[in-house]
Amino acid sequence: MVQGYRGGICKTSIVCPEKKALMDLFIAAVRDIMALQDAEVQAIREGKSLQGFDLALDAARSKRDRIKREFLLHVQAHGCSEI
């Protein structure tokens, strides 16, 4: 289960709170990847070591993918695919 998300059944509403929470976590995870990529590009420009970027990016991508799977499973299970 993704940290920051509390599972549950969607209640009939315009916006599913669980879906929104997972979407927010997904967006944050994508932003984390982008920040790491920006830092990597900056390190290249400055001639600094790139050591550690591969591992950090792999971890960030795994987190993003885990959140994405959780989001898709939630939408499928609870039928809240409409925004």
PDB file of N, CA and C in Angstrom:
ATOM      1  N   MET A   1       0.845  -1.183   0.000  1.00  0.00           N
ATOM      2  CA  MET A   1       0.000   0.000   0.000  1.00  0.00           C
ATOM      3  C   MET A   1       0.883   1.236   0.000  1.00  0.00           C
ATOM      4  N   VAL A   2       0.493   2.239  -0.733  1.00  0.00           N
ATOM      5  CA  VAL A   2       1.255   3.468  -0.858  1.00  0.00           C
ATOM      6  C   VAL A   2       1.131   4.300   0.409  1.00  0.00           C
ATOM      7  N   GLN A   3       2.274   4.805   0.868  1.00  0.00           N
ATOM      8  CA  GLN A   3       2.266   5.645   2.061  1.00  0.00           C
ATOM      9  C   GLN A   3       1.499   6.928   1.765  1.00  0.00           C
ATOM     10  N   GLY A   4       0.688   7.371   2.695  1.00  0.00           N
ATOM     11  CA  GLY A   4      -0.099   8.582   2.503  1.00  0.00           C
ATOM     12  C   GLY A   4      -1.482   8.312   1.943  1.00  0.00           C
ATOM     13  N   TYR A   5      -1.777   7.056   1.648  1.00  0.00           N
ATOM     14  CA  TYR A   5      -3.081   6.692   1.101  1.00  0.00           C
ATOM     15  C   TYR A   5      -3.765   5.737   2.050  1.00  0.00           C
ATOM     16  N   ARG A   6      -4.972   6.046   2.400  1.00  0.00           N
ATOM     17  CA  ARG A   6      -5.775   5.146   3.222  1.00  0.00           C
ATOM     18  C   ARG A   6      -6.867   4.562   2.348  1.00  0.00           C
ATOM     19  N   GLY A   7      -6.817   3.277   2.124  1.00  0.00           N
ATOM     20  CA  GLY A   7      -7.772   2.614   1.242  1.00  0.00           C
ATOM     21  C   GLY A   7      -9.185   2.678   1.766  1.00  0.00           C
ATOM     22  N   GLY A   8     -10.104   2.461   0.888  1.00  0.00           N
ATOM     23  CA  GLY A   8     -11.503   2.463   1.277  1.00  0.00           C
ATOM     24  C   GLY A   8     -12.383   2.438   0.046  1.00  0.00           C
ATOM     25  N   ILE A   9     -13.638   2.292   0.266  1.00  0.00           N
ATOM     26  CA  ILE A   9     -14.611   2.281  -0.824  1.00  0.00           C
ATOM     27  C   ILE A   9     -14.982   3.714  -1.155  1.00  0.00           C
ATOM     28  N   CYS A  10     -15.049   3.993  -2.436  1.00  0.00           N
ATOM     29  CA  CYS A  10     -15.431   5.343  -2.873  1.00  0.00           C
ATOM     30  C   CYS A  10     -16.884   5.604  -2.526  1.00  0.00           C
ATOM     31  N   LYS A  11     -17.129   6.768  -2.082  1.00  0.00           N
ATOM     32  CA  LYS A  11     -18.501   7.208  -1.859  1.00  0.00           C
ATOM     33  C   LYS A  11     -18.927   7.943  -3.130  1.00  0.00           C
ATOM     34  N   THR A  12     -20.195   7.894  -3.429  1.00  0.00           N
ATOM     35  CA  THR A  12     -20.672   8.580  -4.609  1.00  0.00           C
ATOM     36  C   THR A  12     -20.526  10.080  -4.408  1.00  0.00           C
ATOM     37  N   SER A  13     -19.656  10.664  -5.183  1.00  0.00           N
ATOM     38  CA  SER A  13     -19.435  12.103  -5.148  1.00  0.00           C
ATOM     39  C   SER A  13     -18.805  12.517  -6.462  1.00  0.00           C
ATOM     40  N   ILE A  14     -18.684  13.804  -6.641  1.00  0.00           N
ATOM     41  CA  ILE A  14     -18.108  14.300  -7.880  1.00  0.00           C
ATOM     42  C   ILE A  14     -16.631  13.925  -7.956  1.00  0.00           C
ATOM     43  N   VAL A  15     -15.915  14.061  -6.851  1.00  0.00           N
ATOM     44  CA  VAL A  15     -14.497  13.704  -6.820  1.00  0.00           C
ATOM     45  C   VAL A  15     -14.263  12.690  -5.711  1.00  0.00           C
ATOM     46  N   CYS A  16     -13.702  11.559  -6.075  1.00  0.00           N
ATOM     47  CA  CYS A  16     -13.381  10.520  -5.100  1.00  0.00           C
ATOM     48  C   CYS A  16     -12.152  10.970  -4.309  1.00  0.00           C
ATOM     49  N   PRO A  17     -12.239  11.085  -2.987  1.00  0.00           N
ATOM     50  CA  PRO A  17     -11.098  11.559  -2.206  1.00  0.00           C
ATOM     51  C   PRO A  17      -9.893  10.614  -2.267  1.00  0.00           C
ATOM     52  N   GLU A  18     -10.125   9.316  -2.320  1.00  0.00           N
ATOM     53  CA  GLU A  18      -9.026   8.367  -2.425  1.00  0.00           C
ATOM     54  C   GLU A  18      -8.323   8.500  -3.769  1.00  0.00           C
ATOM     55  N   LYS A  19      -9.118   8.655  -4.818  1.00  0.00           N
ATOM     56  CA  LYS A  19      -8.542   8.828  -6.151  1.00  0.00           C
ATOM     57  C   LYS A  19      -7.718  10.103  -6.205  1.00  0.00           C
ATOM     58  N   LYS A  20      -8.240  11.182  -5.632  1.00  0.00           N
ATOM     59  CA  LYS A  20      -7.510  12.447  -5.631  1.00  0.00           C
ATOM     60  C   LYS A  20      -6.216  12.332  -4.845  1.00  0.00           C
ATOM     61  N   ALA A  21      -6.256  11.642  -3.694  1.00  0.00           N
ATOM     62  CA  ALA A  21      -5.042  11.467  -2.890  1.00  0.00           C
ATOM     63  C   ALA A  21      -3.976  10.693  -3.670  1.00  0.00           C
ATOM     64  N   LEU A  22      -4.390   9.643  -4.358  1.00  0.00           N
ATOM     65  CA  LEU A  22      -3.447   8.866  -5.154  1.00  0.00           C
ATOM     66  C   LEU A  22      -2.922   9.668  -6.336  1.00  0.00           C
ATOM     67  N   MET A  23      -3.785  10.462  -6.952  1.00  0.00           N
ATOM     68  CA  MET A  23      -3.362  11.301  -8.063  1.00  0.00           C
ATOM     69  C   MET A  23      -2.325  12.326  -7.585  1.00  0.00           C
ATOM     70  N   ASP A  24      -2.565  12.909  -6.412  1.00  0.00           N
ATOM     71  CA  ASP A  24      -1.617  13.876  -5.849  1.00  0.00           C
ATOM     72  C   ASP A  24      -0.271  13.206  -5.552  1.00  0.00           C
ATOM     73  N   LEU A  25      -0.301  11.984  -5.020  1.00  0.00           N
ATOM     74  CA  LEU A  25       0.938  11.251  -4.763  1.00  0.00           C
ATOM     75  C   LEU A  25       1.672  10.943  -6.062  1.00  0.00           C
ATOM     76  N   PHE A  26       0.925  10.590  -7.106  1.00  0.00           N
ATOM     77  CA  PHE A  26       1.535  10.298  -8.404  1.00  0.00           C
ATOM     78  C   PHE A  26       2.206  11.542  -8.970  1.00  0.00           C
ATOM     79  N   ILE A  27       1.521  12.669  -8.916  1.00  0.00           N
ATOM     80  CA  ILE A  27       2.089  13.921  -9.419  1.00  0.00           C
ATOM     81  C   ILE A  27       3.352  14.277  -8.651  1.00  0.00           C
ATOM     82  N   ALA A  28       3.346  14.113  -7.337  1.00  0.00           N
ATOM     83  CA  ALA A  28       4.528  14.396  -6.525  1.00  0.00           C
ATOM     84  C   ALA A  28       5.684  13.467  -6.911  1.00  0.00           C
ATOM     85  N   ALA A  29       5.379  12.209  -7.180  1.00  0.00           N
ATOM     86  CA  ALA A  29       6.417  11.249  -7.573  1.00  0.00           C
ATOM     87  C   ALA A  29       7.024  11.627  -8.919  1.00  0.00           C
ATOM     88  N   VAL A  30       6.205  12.079  -9.851  1.00  0.00           N
ATOM     89  CA  VAL A  30       6.708  12.521 -11.154  1.00  0.00           C
ATOM     90  C   VAL A  30       7.587  13.757 -10.978  1.00  0.00           C
ATOM     91  N   ARG A  31       7.169  14.666 -10.114  1.00  0.00           N
ATOM     92  CA  ARG A  31       7.978  15.860  -9.852  1.00  0.00           C
ATOM     93  C   ARG A  31       9.321  15.494  -9.234  1.00  0.00           C
ATOM     94  N   ASP A  32       9.335  14.480  -8.370  1.00  0.00           N
ATOM     95  CA  ASP A  32      10.597  14.016  -7.781  1.00  0.00           C
ATOM     96  C   ASP A  32      11.553  13.521  -8.865  1.00  0.00           C
ATOM     97  N   ILE A  33      11.026  12.769  -9.820  1.00  0.00           N
ATOM     98  CA  ILE A  33      11.848  12.284 -10.933  1.00  0.00           C
ATOM     99  C   ILE A  33      12.393  13.457 -11.728  1.00  0.00           C
ATOM    100  N   MET A  34      11.547  14.410 -12.020  1.00  0.00           N
ATOM    101  CA  MET A  34      11.982  15.578 -12.790  1.00  0.00           C
ATOM    102  C   MET A  34      13.069  16.361 -12.053  1.00  0.00           C
ATOM    103  N   ALA A  35      12.935  16.497 -10.741  1.00  0.00           N
ATOM    104  CA  ALA A  35      13.941  17.213  -9.955  1.00  0.00           C
ATOM    105  C   ALA A  35      15.280  16.473  -9.999  1.00  0.00           C
ATOM    106  N   LEU A  36      15.244  15.153  -9.900  1.00  0.00           N
ATOM    107  CA  LEU A  36      16.472  14.367  -9.992  1.00  0.00           C
ATOM    108  C   LEU A  36      17.110  14.501 -11.375  1.00  0.00           C
ATOM    109  N   GLN A  37      16.296  14.492 -12.419  1.00  0.00           N
ATOM    110  CA  GLN A  37      16.824  14.646 -13.769  1.00  0.00           C
ATOM    111  C   GLN A  37      17.434  16.031 -13.954  1.00  0.00           C
ATOM    112  N   ASP A  38      16.791  17.047 -13.413  1.00  0.00           N
ATOM    113  CA  ASP A  38      17.348  18.403 -13.479  1.00  0.00           C
ATOM    114  C   ASP A  38      18.688  18.475 -12.759  1.00  0.00           C
ATOM    115  N   ALA A  39      18.768  17.843 -11.584  1.00  0.00           N
ATOM    116  CA  ALA A  39      20.015  17.830 -10.827  1.00  0.00           C
ATOM    117  C   ALA A  39      21.110  17.076 -11.584  1.00  0.00           C
ATOM    118  N   GLU A  40      20.730  16.012 -12.252  1.00  0.00           N
ATOM    119  CA  GLU A  40      21.695  15.245 -13.035  1.00  0.00           C
ATOM    120  C   GLU A  40      22.237  16.082 -14.197  1.00  0.00           C
ATOM    121  N   VAL A  41      21.357  16.778 -14.894  1.00  0.00           N
ATOM    122  CA  VAL A  41      21.782  17.653 -15.994  1.00  0.00           C
ATOM    123  C   VAL A  41      22.698  18.754 -15.472  1.00  0.00           C
ATOM    124  N   GLN A  42      22.351  19.324 -14.333  1.00  0.00           N
ATOM    125  CA  GLN A  42      23.182  20.373 -13.737  1.00  0.00           C
ATOM    126  C   GLN A  42      24.561  19.820 -13.378  1.00  0.00           C
ATOM    127  N   ALA A  43      24.603  18.608 -12.839  1.00  0.00           N
ATOM    128  CA  ALA A  43      25.882  17.984 -12.505  1.00  0.00           C
ATOM    129  C   ALA A  43      26.729  17.778 -13.757  1.00  0.00           C
ATOM    130  N   ILE A  44      26.098  17.379 -14.847  1.00  0.00           N
ATOM    131  CA  ILE A  44      26.812  17.199 -16.115  1.00  0.00           C
ATOM    132  C   ILE A  44      27.382  18.539 -16.572  1.00  0.00           C
ATOM    133  N   ARG A  45      26.575  19.583 -16.522  1.00  0.00           N
ATOM    134  CA  ARG A  45      27.028  20.915 -16.941  1.00  0.00           C
ATOM    135  C   ARG A  45      28.218  21.396 -16.114  1.00  0.00           C
ATOM    136  N   GLU A  46      28.208  21.067 -14.832  1.00  0.00           N
ATOM    137  CA  GLU A  46      29.254  21.535 -13.927  1.00  0.00           C
ATOM    138  C   GLU A  46      30.426  20.561 -13.833  1.00  0.00           C
ATOM    139  N   GLY A  47      30.358  19.464 -14.573  1.00  0.00           N
ATOM    140  CA  GLY A  47      31.442  18.497 -14.570  1.00  0.00           C
ATOM    141  C   GLY A  47      31.553  17.715 -13.270  1.00  0.00           C
ATOM    142  N   LYS A  48      30.468  17.629 -12.536  1.00  0.00           N
ATOM    143  CA  LYS A  48      30.460  16.915 -11.256  1.00  0.00           C
ATOM    144  C   LYS A  48      30.173  15.435 -11.467  1.00  0.00           C
ATOM    145  N   SER A  49      30.415  14.664 -10.420  1.00  0.00           N
ATOM    146  CA  SER A  49      30.177  13.228 -10.461  1.00  0.00           C
ATOM    147  C   SER A  49      28.682  12.927 -10.627  1.00  0.00           C
ATOM    148  N   LEU A  50      28.430  11.899 -11.400  1.00  0.00           N
ATOM    149  CA  LEU A  50      27.044  11.444 -11.592  1.00  0.00           C
ATOM    150  C   LEU A  50      26.729  10.242 -10.715  1.00  0.00           C
ATOM    151  N   GLN A  51      27.661   9.920  -9.840  1.00  0.00           N
ATOM    152  CA  GLN A  51      27.481   8.756  -8.972  1.00  0.00           C
ATOM    153  C   GLN A  51      26.234   8.930  -8.109  1.00  0.00           C
ATOM    154  N   GLY A  52      25.413   7.915  -8.089  1.00  0.00           N
ATOM    155  CA  GLY A  52      24.218   7.920  -7.267  1.00  0.00           C
ATOM    156  C   GLY A  52      22.945   8.306  -8.007  1.00  0.00           C
ATOM    157  N   PHE A  53      23.080   8.972  -9.132  1.00  0.00           N
ATOM    158  CA  PHE A  53      21.872   9.383  -9.852  1.00  0.00           C
ATOM    159  C   PHE A  53      21.086   8.189 -10.376  1.00  0.00           C
ATOM    160  N   ASP A  54      21.791   7.184 -10.890  1.00  0.00           N
ATOM    161  CA  ASP A  54      21.083   6.012 -11.429  1.00  0.00           C
ATOM    162  C   ASP A  54      20.245   5.331 -10.357  1.00  0.00           C
ATOM    163  N   LEU A  55      20.832   5.135  -9.187  1.00  0.00           N
ATOM    164  CA  LEU A  55      20.094   4.481  -8.102  1.00  0.00           C
ATOM    165  C   LEU A  55      18.925   5.342  -7.628  1.00  0.00           C
ATOM    166  N   ALA A  56      19.166   6.630  -7.505  1.00  0.00           N
ATOM    167  CA  ALA A  56      18.100   7.533  -7.052  1.00  0.00           C
ATOM    168  C   ALA A  56      16.965   7.586  -8.070  1.00  0.00           C
ATOM    169  N   LEU A  57      17.310   7.635  -9.351  1.00  0.00           N
ATOM    170  CA  LEU A  57      16.271   7.652 -10.388  1.00  0.00           C
ATOM    171  C   LEU A  57      15.517   6.332 -10.439  1.00  0.00           C
ATOM    172  N   ASP A  58      16.215   5.217 -10.286  1.00  0.00           N
ATOM    173  CA  ASP A  58      15.543   3.917 -10.262  1.00  0.00           C
ATOM    174  C   ASP A  58      14.545   3.845  -9.111  1.00  0.00           C
ATOM    175  N   ALA A  59      14.964   4.314  -7.936  1.00  0.00           N
ATOM    176  CA  ALA A  59      14.071   4.295  -6.764  1.00  0.00           C
ATOM    177  C   ALA A  59      12.875   5.201  -6.990  1.00  0.00           C
ATOM    178  N   ALA A  60      13.096   6.384  -7.556  1.00  0.00           N
ATOM    179  CA  ALA A  60      12.008   7.328  -7.803  1.00  0.00           C
ATOM    180  C   ALA A  60      11.029   6.779  -8.843  1.00  0.00           C
ATOM    181  N   ARG A  61      11.558   6.132  -9.872  1.00  0.00           N
ATOM    182  CA  ARG A  61      10.681   5.537 -10.896  1.00  0.00           C
ATOM    183  C   ARG A  61       9.879   4.365 -10.328  1.00  0.00           C
ATOM    184  N   SER A  62      10.516   3.582  -9.472  1.00  0.00           N
ATOM    185  CA  SER A  62       9.793   2.472  -8.835  1.00  0.00           C
ATOM    186  C   SER A  62       8.651   2.997  -7.974  1.00  0.00           C
ATOM    187  N   LYS A  63       8.912   4.057  -7.230  1.00  0.00           N
ATOM    188  CA  LYS A  63       7.868   4.670  -6.404  1.00  0.00           C
ATOM    189  C   LYS A  63       6.725   5.170  -7.279  1.00  0.00           C
ATOM    190  N   ARG A  64       7.061   5.870  -8.374  1.00  0.00           N
ATOM    191  CA  ARG A  64       6.034   6.367  -9.296  1.00  0.00           C
ATOM    192  C   ARG A  64       5.198   5.218  -9.853  1.00  0.00           C
ATOM    193  N   ASP A  65       5.866   4.158 -10.268  1.00  0.00           N
ATOM    194  CA  ASP A  65       5.163   3.016 -10.847  1.00  0.00           C
ATOM    195  C   ASP A  65       4.269   2.322  -9.822  1.00  0.00           C
ATOM    196  N   ARG A  66       4.746   2.214  -8.573  1.00  0.00           N
ATOM    197  CA  ARG A  66       3.944   1.605  -7.507  1.00  0.00           C
ATOM    198  C   ARG A  66       2.681   2.425  -7.243  1.00  0.00           C
ATOM    199  N   ILE A  67       2.835   3.748  -7.207  1.00  0.00           N
ATOM    200  CA  ILE A  67       1.679   4.628  -6.990  1.00  0.00           C
ATOM    201  C   ILE A  67       0.715   4.540  -8.173  1.00  0.00           C
ATOM    202  N   LYS A  68       1.255   4.483  -9.374  1.00  0.00           N
ATOM    203  CA  LYS A  68       0.411   4.373 -10.571  1.00  0.00           C
ATOM    204  C   LYS A  68      -0.416   3.092 -10.532  1.00  0.00           C
ATOM    205  N   ARG A  69       0.229   1.972 -10.162  1.00  0.00           N
ATOM    206  CA  ARG A  69      -0.506   0.702 -10.061  1.00  0.00           C
ATOM    207  C   ARG A  69      -1.604   0.797  -9.008  1.00  0.00           C
ATOM    208  N   GLU A  70      -1.278   1.398  -7.866  1.00  0.00           N
ATOM    209  CA  GLU A  70      -2.266   1.562  -6.794  1.00  0.00           C
ATOM    210  C   GLU A  70      -3.449   2.407  -7.276  1.00  0.00           C
ATOM    211  N   PHE A  71      -3.145   3.466  -8.005  1.00  0.00           N
ATOM    212  CA  PHE A  71      -4.183   4.338  -8.564  1.00  0.00           C
ATOM    213  C   PHE A  71      -5.087   3.559  -9.517  1.00  0.00           C
ATOM    214  N   LEU A  72      -4.467   2.838 -10.450  1.00  0.00           N
ATOM    215  CA  LEU A  72      -5.259   2.091 -11.434  1.00  0.00           C
ATOM    216  C   LEU A  72      -6.092   0.996 -10.780  1.00  0.00           C
ATOM    217  N   LEU A  73      -5.528   0.310  -9.798  1.00  0.00           N
ATOM    218  CA  LEU A  73      -6.289  -0.706  -9.071  1.00  0.00           C
ATOM    219  C   LEU A  73      -7.471  -0.087  -8.323  1.00  0.00           C
ATOM    220  N   HIS A  74      -7.243   1.068  -7.718  1.00  0.00           N
ATOM    221  CA  HIS A  74      -8.322   1.750  -7.005  1.00  0.00           C
ATOM    222  C   HIS A  74      -9.455   2.119  -7.962  1.00  0.00           C
ATOM    223  N   VAL A  75      -9.092   2.722  -9.078  1.00  0.00           N
ATOM    224  CA  VAL A  75     -10.114   3.137 -10.066  1.00  0.00           C
ATOM    225  C   VAL A  75     -10.892   1.923 -10.572  1.00  0.00           C
ATOM    226  N   GLN A  76     -10.188   0.850 -10.841  1.00  0.00           N
ATOM    227  CA  GLN A  76     -10.847  -0.369 -11.329  1.00  0.00           C
ATOM    228  C   GLN A  76     -11.760  -0.976 -10.253  1.00  0.00           C
ATOM    229  N   ALA A  77     -11.272  -1.038  -9.047  1.00  0.00           N
ATOM    230  CA  ALA A  77     -12.031  -1.681  -7.965  1.00  0.00           C
ATOM    231  C   ALA A  77     -13.244  -0.875  -7.536  1.00  0.00           C
ATOM    232  N   HIS A  78     -13.128   0.438  -7.574  1.00  0.00           N
ATOM    233  CA  HIS A  78     -14.190   1.283  -7.025  1.00  0.00           C
ATOM    234  C   HIS A  78     -15.006   2.019  -8.085  1.00  0.00           C
ATOM    235  N   GLY A  79     -14.631   1.873  -9.340  1.00  0.00           N
ATOM    236  CA  GLY A  79     -15.420   2.461 -10.410  1.00  0.00           C
ATOM    237  C   GLY A  79     -15.470   3.972 -10.388  1.00  0.00           C
ATOM    238  N   CYS A  80     -14.418   4.600  -9.940  1.00  0.00           N
ATOM    239  CA  CYS A  80     -14.424   6.066  -9.871  1.00  0.00           C
ATOM    240  C   CYS A  80     -13.548   6.658 -10.964  1.00  0.00           C
ATOM    241  N   SER A  81     -13.671   6.130 -12.176  1.00  0.00           N
ATOM    242  CA  SER A  81     -12.825   6.584 -13.271  1.00  0.00           C
ATOM    243  C   SER A  81     -13.220   7.957 -13.790  1.00  0.00           C
ATOM    244  N   GLU A  82     -14.419   8.380 -13.532  1.00  0.00           N
ATOM    245  CA  GLU A  82     -14.854   9.708 -13.963  1.00  0.00           C
ATOM    246  C   GLU A  82     -14.288  10.755 -13.018  1.00  0.00           C
ATOM    247  N   ILE A  83     -13.798  11.850 -13.584  1.00  0.00           N
ATOM    248  CA  ILE A  83     -13.259  12.947 -12.752  1.00  0.00           C
ATOM    249  C   ILE A  83     -14.383  13.841 -12.330  1.00  0.00           C
TER     250      ILE A  83
END
